[in-house]
Amino acid sequence: MKVLFDQGVPVPLRRHFAGTSVETVYERGWSRLTNGELIDQAEQEEFDVFVTTDQKLRYQQNLAGRSIAIVVLLSTSWPRIRQHIDDVVSAAAGVMPGDFVEIII
């Protein structure tokens, strides 16, 4: 499974995705892409899951027909996210292409 972390997703979360390829938007040099361009690029690069903290993404983008699953963390706070690591990892592992899941944190 290939996972892409958006800006705003705490990087320490990455170490909890054992056996998973995790990259960040910053590492990829995609920081200046708009959300639509970013999702398009992630799909072209065959990422399976896009993890973001952008709570407005669902309303700003047409997500119908996407091949990438999107997991939205409803917080950017690492201390709060850390308390829900199992939920985040389970959600990312359990999504199907095109799914949209919000994790209440």
Foldseek 3Di string as FASTA:
>chain_A
DEEEEEPLADPVLVVLLPPYHYDYCVVVVNNPPDPVVVLVVCVVVPGAEYEYQPPCDPVPDDLPPAQHEYEHEVDSDPVVVVVVSVVRNVVSVPDGGSHYYYDDD
